[in-house]
Amino acid sequence: MVVWWGTRTECISALMRQVREGGLTPTDERSARHVLQALMQTWAEMQPSEALRSTAERLLTVHPLRTADALQLAAALQWCQGLTTGQDVVTFDRQLRDASYREGFTVLPEAF
């Protein structure tokens, strides 16, 4: 699994938002953090670079993405060197799903 450098922070942000909004109990949040810690031991991270930033900026001009989503998609494009056929992107964000599909990725999960 390859993820963008900011993925861990985005996951923690999402968990804490769910706690604040009542979607997760503090116990559930701690359990989710343990899962996140386990996943972190298995993934590789795409680091920030000028090329990645330039790609993200291009993506912002052609897709209705937020900054973090553009950076995630740019990292995926950099990882596969732009050869998206047969490569998967996993996301639940509708705009990121649409942009990833338009860039040629297979988007998972299929049913969303």
N, C-alpha and C. Protein backbone atom coordinates (compact mmCIF):
# COMPACT_ATOMS: atom_id res chain seq x y z
N MET A 1 0.85 -1.17 0.00
CA MET A 1 0.00 0.00 0.00
C MET A 1 0.90 1.23 0.00
N VAL A 2 0.59 2.16 -0.88
CA VAL A 2 1.33 3.41 -0.98
C VAL A 2 0.35 4.53 -0.68
N VAL A 3 0.75 5.44 0.20
CA VAL A 3 -0.13 6.54 0.60
C VAL A 3 0.63 7.86 0.51
N TRP A 4 -0.12 8.93 0.45
CA TRP A 4 0.43 10.28 0.48
C TRP A 4 0.98 10.57 1.87
N TRP A 5 2.00 11.38 1.93
CA TRP A 5 2.68 11.74 3.18
C TRP A 5 1.70 12.24 4.25
N GLY A 6 0.65 12.94 3.89
CA GLY A 6 -0.30 13.50 4.84
C GLY A 6 -1.43 12.57 5.25
N THR A 7 -1.42 11.33 4.79
CA THR A 7 -2.53 10.42 5.04
C THR A 7 -2.77 10.18 6.53
N ARG A 8 -1.71 9.96 7.29
CA ARG A 8 -1.88 9.71 8.73
C ARG A 8 -2.60 10.88 9.39
N THR A 9 -2.19 12.09 9.08
CA THR A 9 -2.81 13.27 9.67
C THR A 9 -4.27 13.40 9.25
N GLU A 10 -4.55 13.11 7.98
CA GLU A 10 -5.94 13.16 7.51
C GLU A 10 -6.80 12.12 8.22
N CYS A 11 -6.25 10.93 8.46
CA CYS A 11 -7.01 9.89 9.17
C CYS A 11 -7.31 10.32 10.59
N ILE A 12 -6.33 10.88 11.28
CA ILE A 12 -6.55 11.34 12.65
C ILE A 12 -7.57 12.46 12.67
N SER A 13 -7.50 13.37 11.70
CA SER A 13 -8.49 14.44 11.60
C SER A 13 -9.89 13.87 11.46
N ALA A 14 -10.05 12.88 10.58
CA ALA A 14 -11.36 12.27 10.36
C ALA A 14 -11.86 11.57 11.63
N LEU A 15 -10.97 10.87 12.32
CA LEU A 15 -11.38 10.20 13.57
C LEU A 15 -11.84 11.21 14.61
N MET A 16 -11.09 12.27 14.78
CA MET A 16 -11.44 13.26 15.80
C MET A 16 -12.73 14.01 15.44
N ARG A 17 -12.95 14.24 14.14
CA ARG A 17 -14.20 14.86 13.72
C ARG A 17 -15.38 13.95 14.08
N GLN A 18 -15.20 12.65 13.86
CA GLN A 18 -16.26 11.70 14.20
C GLN A 18 -16.53 11.67 15.70
N VAL A 19 -15.49 11.78 16.52
CA VAL A 19 -15.68 11.84 17.97
C VAL A 19 -16.45 13.10 18.34
N ARG A 20 -16.03 14.24 17.79
CA ARG A 20 -16.71 15.51 18.10
C ARG A 20 -18.17 15.50 17.68
N GLU A 21 -18.46 14.85 16.54
CA GLU A 21 -19.82 14.83 16.01
C GLU A 21 -20.65 13.68 16.56
N GLY A 22 -20.06 12.85 17.41
CA GLY A 22 -20.81 11.76 18.02
C GLY A 22 -20.87 10.48 17.22
N GLY A 23 -20.13 10.40 16.12
CA GLY A 23 -20.13 9.19 15.30
C GLY A 23 -19.26 8.09 15.85
N LEU A 24 -18.30 8.45 16.71
CA LEU A 24 -17.42 7.48 17.37
C LEU A 24 -17.32 7.81 18.84
N THR A 25 -17.28 6.78 19.65
CA THR A 25 -17.00 6.97 21.08
C THR A 25 -15.49 7.09 21.23
N PRO A 26 -15.02 7.63 22.36
CA PRO A 26 -13.58 7.67 22.59
C PRO A 26 -12.94 6.28 22.54
N THR A 27 -13.65 5.26 23.00
CA THR A 27 -13.13 3.90 22.94
C THR A 27 -12.99 3.44 21.49
N ASP A 28 -13.99 3.74 20.65
CA ASP A 28 -13.93 3.40 19.24
C ASP A 28 -12.77 4.13 18.55
N GLU A 29 -12.57 5.38 18.94
CA GLU A 29 -11.49 6.17 18.35
C GLU A 29 -10.14 5.56 18.71
N ARG A 30 -9.96 5.12 19.95
CA ARG A 30 -8.70 4.48 20.34
C ARG A 30 -8.48 3.18 19.56
N SER A 31 -9.54 2.42 19.38
CA SER A 31 -9.43 1.18 18.60
C SER A 31 -9.04 1.49 17.15
N ALA A 32 -9.65 2.52 16.59
CA ALA A 32 -9.33 2.90 15.21
C ALA A 32 -7.89 3.37 15.10
N ARG A 33 -7.38 4.07 16.11
CA ARG A 33 -5.98 4.49 16.09
C ARG A 33 -5.04 3.30 16.11
N HIS A 34 -5.43 2.24 16.83
CA HIS A 34 -4.60 1.02 16.84
C HIS A 34 -4.55 0.40 15.44
N VAL A 35 -5.69 0.39 14.76
CA VAL A 35 -5.72 -0.11 13.38
C VAL A 35 -4.84 0.77 12.50
N LEU A 36 -4.95 2.07 12.66
CA LEU A 36 -4.14 3.00 11.89
C LEU A 36 -2.65 2.75 12.14
N GLN A 37 -2.28 2.55 13.40
CA GLN A 37 -0.87 2.26 13.72
C GLN A 37 -0.39 0.99 13.02
N ALA A 38 -1.23 -0.03 13.00
CA ALA A 38 -0.87 -1.29 12.33
C ALA A 38 -0.70 -1.07 10.83
N LEU A 39 -1.61 -0.31 10.23
CA LEU A 39 -1.51 -0.02 8.80
C LEU A 39 -0.25 0.78 8.49
N MET A 40 0.10 1.71 9.35
CA MET A 40 1.28 2.54 9.13
C MET A 40 2.55 1.70 9.04
N GLN A 41 2.56 0.57 9.71
CA GLN A 41 3.73 -0.31 9.67
C GLN A 41 3.88 -1.00 8.32
N THR A 42 2.80 -1.02 7.52
CA THR A 42 2.82 -1.76 6.27
C THR A 42 2.87 -0.86 5.04
N TRP A 43 2.59 0.42 5.18
CA TRP A 43 2.51 1.23 3.99
C TRP A 43 3.81 1.98 3.70
N ALA A 44 3.95 2.39 2.45
CA ALA A 44 5.03 3.28 2.02
C ALA A 44 4.41 4.65 1.77
N GLU A 45 5.15 5.69 2.07
CA GLU A 45 4.63 7.04 1.90
C GLU A 45 5.31 7.76 0.74
N MET A 46 4.49 8.45 -0.06
CA MET A 46 5.01 9.34 -1.09
C MET A 46 5.32 10.67 -0.41
N GLN A 47 6.54 11.10 -0.51
CA GLN A 47 7.00 12.32 0.16
C GLN A 47 6.71 13.56 -0.69
N PRO A 48 6.57 14.72 -0.04
CA PRO A 48 6.37 15.96 -0.78
C PRO A 48 7.57 16.26 -1.68
N SER A 49 7.30 16.85 -2.82
CA SER A 49 8.36 17.28 -3.74
C SER A 49 7.80 18.39 -4.62
N GLU A 50 8.68 19.08 -5.30
CA GLU A 50 8.25 20.14 -6.21
C GLU A 50 7.44 19.56 -7.37
N ALA A 51 7.86 18.40 -7.86
CA ALA A 51 7.13 17.76 -8.97
C ALA A 51 5.72 17.37 -8.52
N LEU A 52 5.60 16.85 -7.31
CA LEU A 52 4.29 16.47 -6.80
C LEU A 52 3.40 17.70 -6.64
N ARG A 53 3.97 18.78 -6.11
CA ARG A 53 3.19 20.01 -5.95
C ARG A 53 2.72 20.52 -7.30
N SER A 54 3.59 20.50 -8.30
CA SER A 54 3.20 20.96 -9.64
C SER A 54 2.07 20.10 -10.22
N THR A 55 2.16 18.80 -10.02
CA THR A 55 1.09 17.92 -10.48
C THR A 55 -0.21 18.23 -9.78
N ALA A 56 -0.15 18.44 -8.46
CA ALA A 56 -1.36 18.78 -7.70
C ALA A 56 -1.97 20.08 -8.20
N GLU A 57 -1.14 21.04 -8.50
CA GLU A 57 -1.65 22.32 -9.01
C GLU A 57 -2.31 22.14 -10.37
N ARG A 58 -1.75 21.29 -11.23
CA ARG A 58 -2.39 20.99 -12.51
C ARG A 58 -3.74 20.34 -12.28
N LEU A 59 -3.79 19.39 -11.35
CA LEU A 59 -5.04 18.69 -11.06
C LEU A 59 -6.12 19.66 -10.58
N LEU A 60 -5.72 20.66 -9.82
CA LEU A 60 -6.68 21.66 -9.34
C LEU A 60 -7.29 22.47 -10.48
N THR A 61 -6.57 22.57 -11.58
CA THR A 61 -7.10 23.33 -12.72
C THR A 61 -8.07 22.52 -13.56
N VAL A 62 -8.03 21.19 -13.46
CA VAL A 62 -8.88 20.36 -14.32
C VAL A 62 -9.93 19.55 -13.57
N HIS A 63 -9.85 19.49 -12.25
CA HIS A 63 -10.82 18.74 -11.45
C HIS A 63 -11.27 19.60 -10.26
N PRO A 64 -12.52 19.47 -9.84
CA PRO A 64 -13.00 20.23 -8.67
C PRO A 64 -12.57 19.56 -7.37
N LEU A 65 -11.27 19.67 -7.05
CA LEU A 65 -10.71 19.00 -5.87
C LEU A 65 -10.32 20.01 -4.81
N ARG A 66 -10.30 19.54 -3.56
CA ARG A 66 -9.69 20.30 -2.47
C ARG A 66 -8.19 20.05 -2.51
N THR A 67 -7.44 20.90 -1.85
CA THR A 67 -5.98 20.81 -1.88
C THR A 67 -5.47 19.44 -1.46
N ALA A 68 -5.93 18.94 -0.32
CA ALA A 68 -5.44 17.65 0.18
C ALA A 68 -5.75 16.52 -0.80
N ASP A 69 -6.91 16.58 -1.44
CA ASP A 69 -7.27 15.55 -2.41
C ASP A 69 -6.39 15.65 -3.66
N ALA A 70 -6.09 16.86 -4.09
CA ALA A 70 -5.20 17.03 -5.24
C ALA A 70 -3.81 16.49 -4.93
N LEU A 71 -3.34 16.71 -3.71
CA LEU A 71 -2.04 16.18 -3.31
C LEU A 71 -2.06 14.65 -3.26
N GLN A 72 -3.15 14.07 -2.79
CA GLN A 72 -3.26 12.61 -2.76
C GLN A 72 -3.25 12.04 -4.17
N LEU A 73 -4.01 12.63 -5.06
CA LEU A 73 -4.07 12.13 -6.43
C LEU A 73 -2.73 12.35 -7.13
N ALA A 74 -2.08 13.48 -6.88
CA ALA A 74 -0.76 13.73 -7.46
C ALA A 74 0.24 12.68 -6.98
N ALA A 75 0.15 12.31 -5.72
CA ALA A 75 1.05 11.27 -5.19
C ALA A 75 0.81 9.94 -5.89
N ALA A 76 -0.45 9.61 -6.13
CA ALA A 76 -0.77 8.36 -6.83
C ALA A 76 -0.23 8.40 -8.25
N LEU A 77 -0.39 9.53 -8.92
CA LEU A 77 0.12 9.66 -10.28
C LEU A 77 1.64 9.58 -10.32
N GLN A 78 2.29 10.19 -9.34
CA GLN A 78 3.75 10.13 -9.29
C GLN A 78 4.21 8.69 -9.03
N TRP A 79 3.54 8.01 -8.11
CA TRP A 79 3.91 6.63 -7.77
C TRP A 79 3.88 5.73 -8.99
N CYS A 80 2.82 5.84 -9.80
CA CYS A 80 2.70 4.95 -10.97
C CYS A 80 3.30 5.58 -12.23
N GLN A 81 3.99 6.70 -12.06
CA GLN A 81 4.64 7.41 -13.16
C GLN A 81 3.66 7.73 -14.29
N GLY A 82 2.40 8.01 -13.90
CA GLY A 82 1.38 8.39 -14.86
C GLY A 82 0.76 7.23 -15.62
N LEU A 83 1.21 6.03 -15.35
CA LEU A 83 0.67 4.84 -16.02
C LEU A 83 -0.44 4.26 -15.14
N THR A 84 -1.63 4.82 -15.27
CA THR A 84 -2.73 4.53 -14.35
C THR A 84 -3.51 3.26 -14.67
N THR A 85 -3.41 2.75 -15.89
CA THR A 85 -4.17 1.56 -16.26
C THR A 85 -3.78 0.40 -15.36
N GLY A 86 -4.80 -0.21 -14.73
CA GLY A 86 -4.57 -1.33 -13.83
C GLY A 86 -4.15 -0.95 -12.43
N GLN A 87 -4.08 0.35 -12.14
CA GLN A 87 -3.70 0.82 -10.80
C GLN A 87 -4.96 1.24 -10.04
N ASP A 88 -4.99 0.95 -8.75
CA ASP A 88 -6.15 1.23 -7.92
C ASP A 88 -5.94 2.45 -7.03
N VAL A 89 -7.01 3.20 -6.83
CA VAL A 89 -7.08 4.27 -5.82
C VAL A 89 -8.26 3.93 -4.93
N VAL A 90 -8.05 3.97 -3.62
CA VAL A 90 -9.11 3.70 -2.66
C VAL A 90 -9.50 5.01 -1.99
N THR A 91 -10.76 5.37 -2.14
CA THR A 91 -11.26 6.60 -1.51
C THR A 91 -12.77 6.54 -1.39
N PHE A 92 -13.30 7.25 -0.40
CA PHE A 92 -14.74 7.38 -0.23
C PHE A 92 -15.20 8.80 -0.58
N ASP A 93 -14.27 9.67 -0.94
CA ASP A 93 -14.59 11.04 -1.28
C ASP A 93 -15.07 11.10 -2.74
N ARG A 94 -16.27 11.61 -2.95
CA ARG A 94 -16.88 11.61 -4.29
C ARG A 94 -16.03 12.36 -5.31
N GLN A 95 -15.57 13.56 -4.98
CA GLN A 95 -14.80 14.33 -5.95
C GLN A 95 -13.46 13.66 -6.27
N LEU A 96 -12.81 13.11 -5.26
CA LEU A 96 -11.54 12.42 -5.49
C LEU A 96 -11.77 11.14 -6.30
N ARG A 97 -12.88 10.46 -6.03
CA ARG A 97 -13.22 9.26 -6.82
C ARG A 97 -13.38 9.63 -8.30
N ASP A 98 -14.15 10.68 -8.57
CA ASP A 98 -14.41 11.10 -9.94
C ASP A 98 -13.11 11.51 -10.65
N ALA A 99 -12.29 12.30 -9.98
CA ALA A 99 -11.03 12.76 -10.58
C ALA A 99 -10.09 11.58 -10.82
N SER A 100 -10.02 10.66 -9.87
CA SER A 100 -9.15 9.48 -10.03
C SER A 100 -9.58 8.65 -11.22
N TYR A 101 -10.88 8.47 -11.34
CA TYR A 101 -11.42 7.72 -12.48
C TYR A 101 -11.07 8.42 -13.79
N ARG A 102 -11.27 9.74 -13.83
CA ARG A 102 -10.97 10.50 -15.06
C ARG A 102 -9.47 10.48 -15.39
N GLU A 103 -8.63 10.30 -14.37
CA GLU A 103 -7.18 10.19 -14.61
C GLU A 103 -6.79 8.78 -15.00
N GLY A 104 -7.74 7.82 -15.00
CA GLY A 104 -7.47 6.48 -15.50
C GLY A 104 -7.31 5.39 -14.47
N PHE A 105 -7.45 5.73 -13.19
CA PHE A 105 -7.33 4.73 -12.13
C PHE A 105 -8.61 3.89 -12.01
N THR A 106 -8.47 2.69 -11.51
CA THR A 106 -9.60 1.91 -11.03
C THR A 106 -9.89 2.42 -9.63
N VAL A 107 -11.13 2.78 -9.34
CA VAL A 107 -11.47 3.37 -8.06
C VAL A 107 -12.19 2.33 -7.20
N LEU A 108 -11.70 2.17 -5.99
CA LEU A 108 -12.26 1.23 -5.01
C LEU A 108 -12.72 1.97 -3.78
N PRO A 109 -13.70 1.46 -3.05
CA PRO A 109 -14.50 0.31 -3.39
C PRO A 109 -15.44 0.63 -4.57
N GLU A 110 -15.78 -0.41 -5.31
CA GLU A 110 -16.62 -0.21 -6.50
C GLU A 110 -18.00 0.31 -6.13
N ALA A 111 -18.64 -0.31 -5.14
CA ALA A 111 -19.97 0.11 -4.70
C ALA A 111 -19.81 1.15 -3.62
N PHE A 112 -20.29 2.34 -3.91
CA PHE A 112 -20.17 3.42 -2.92
C PHE A 112 -21.39 4.29 -3.00
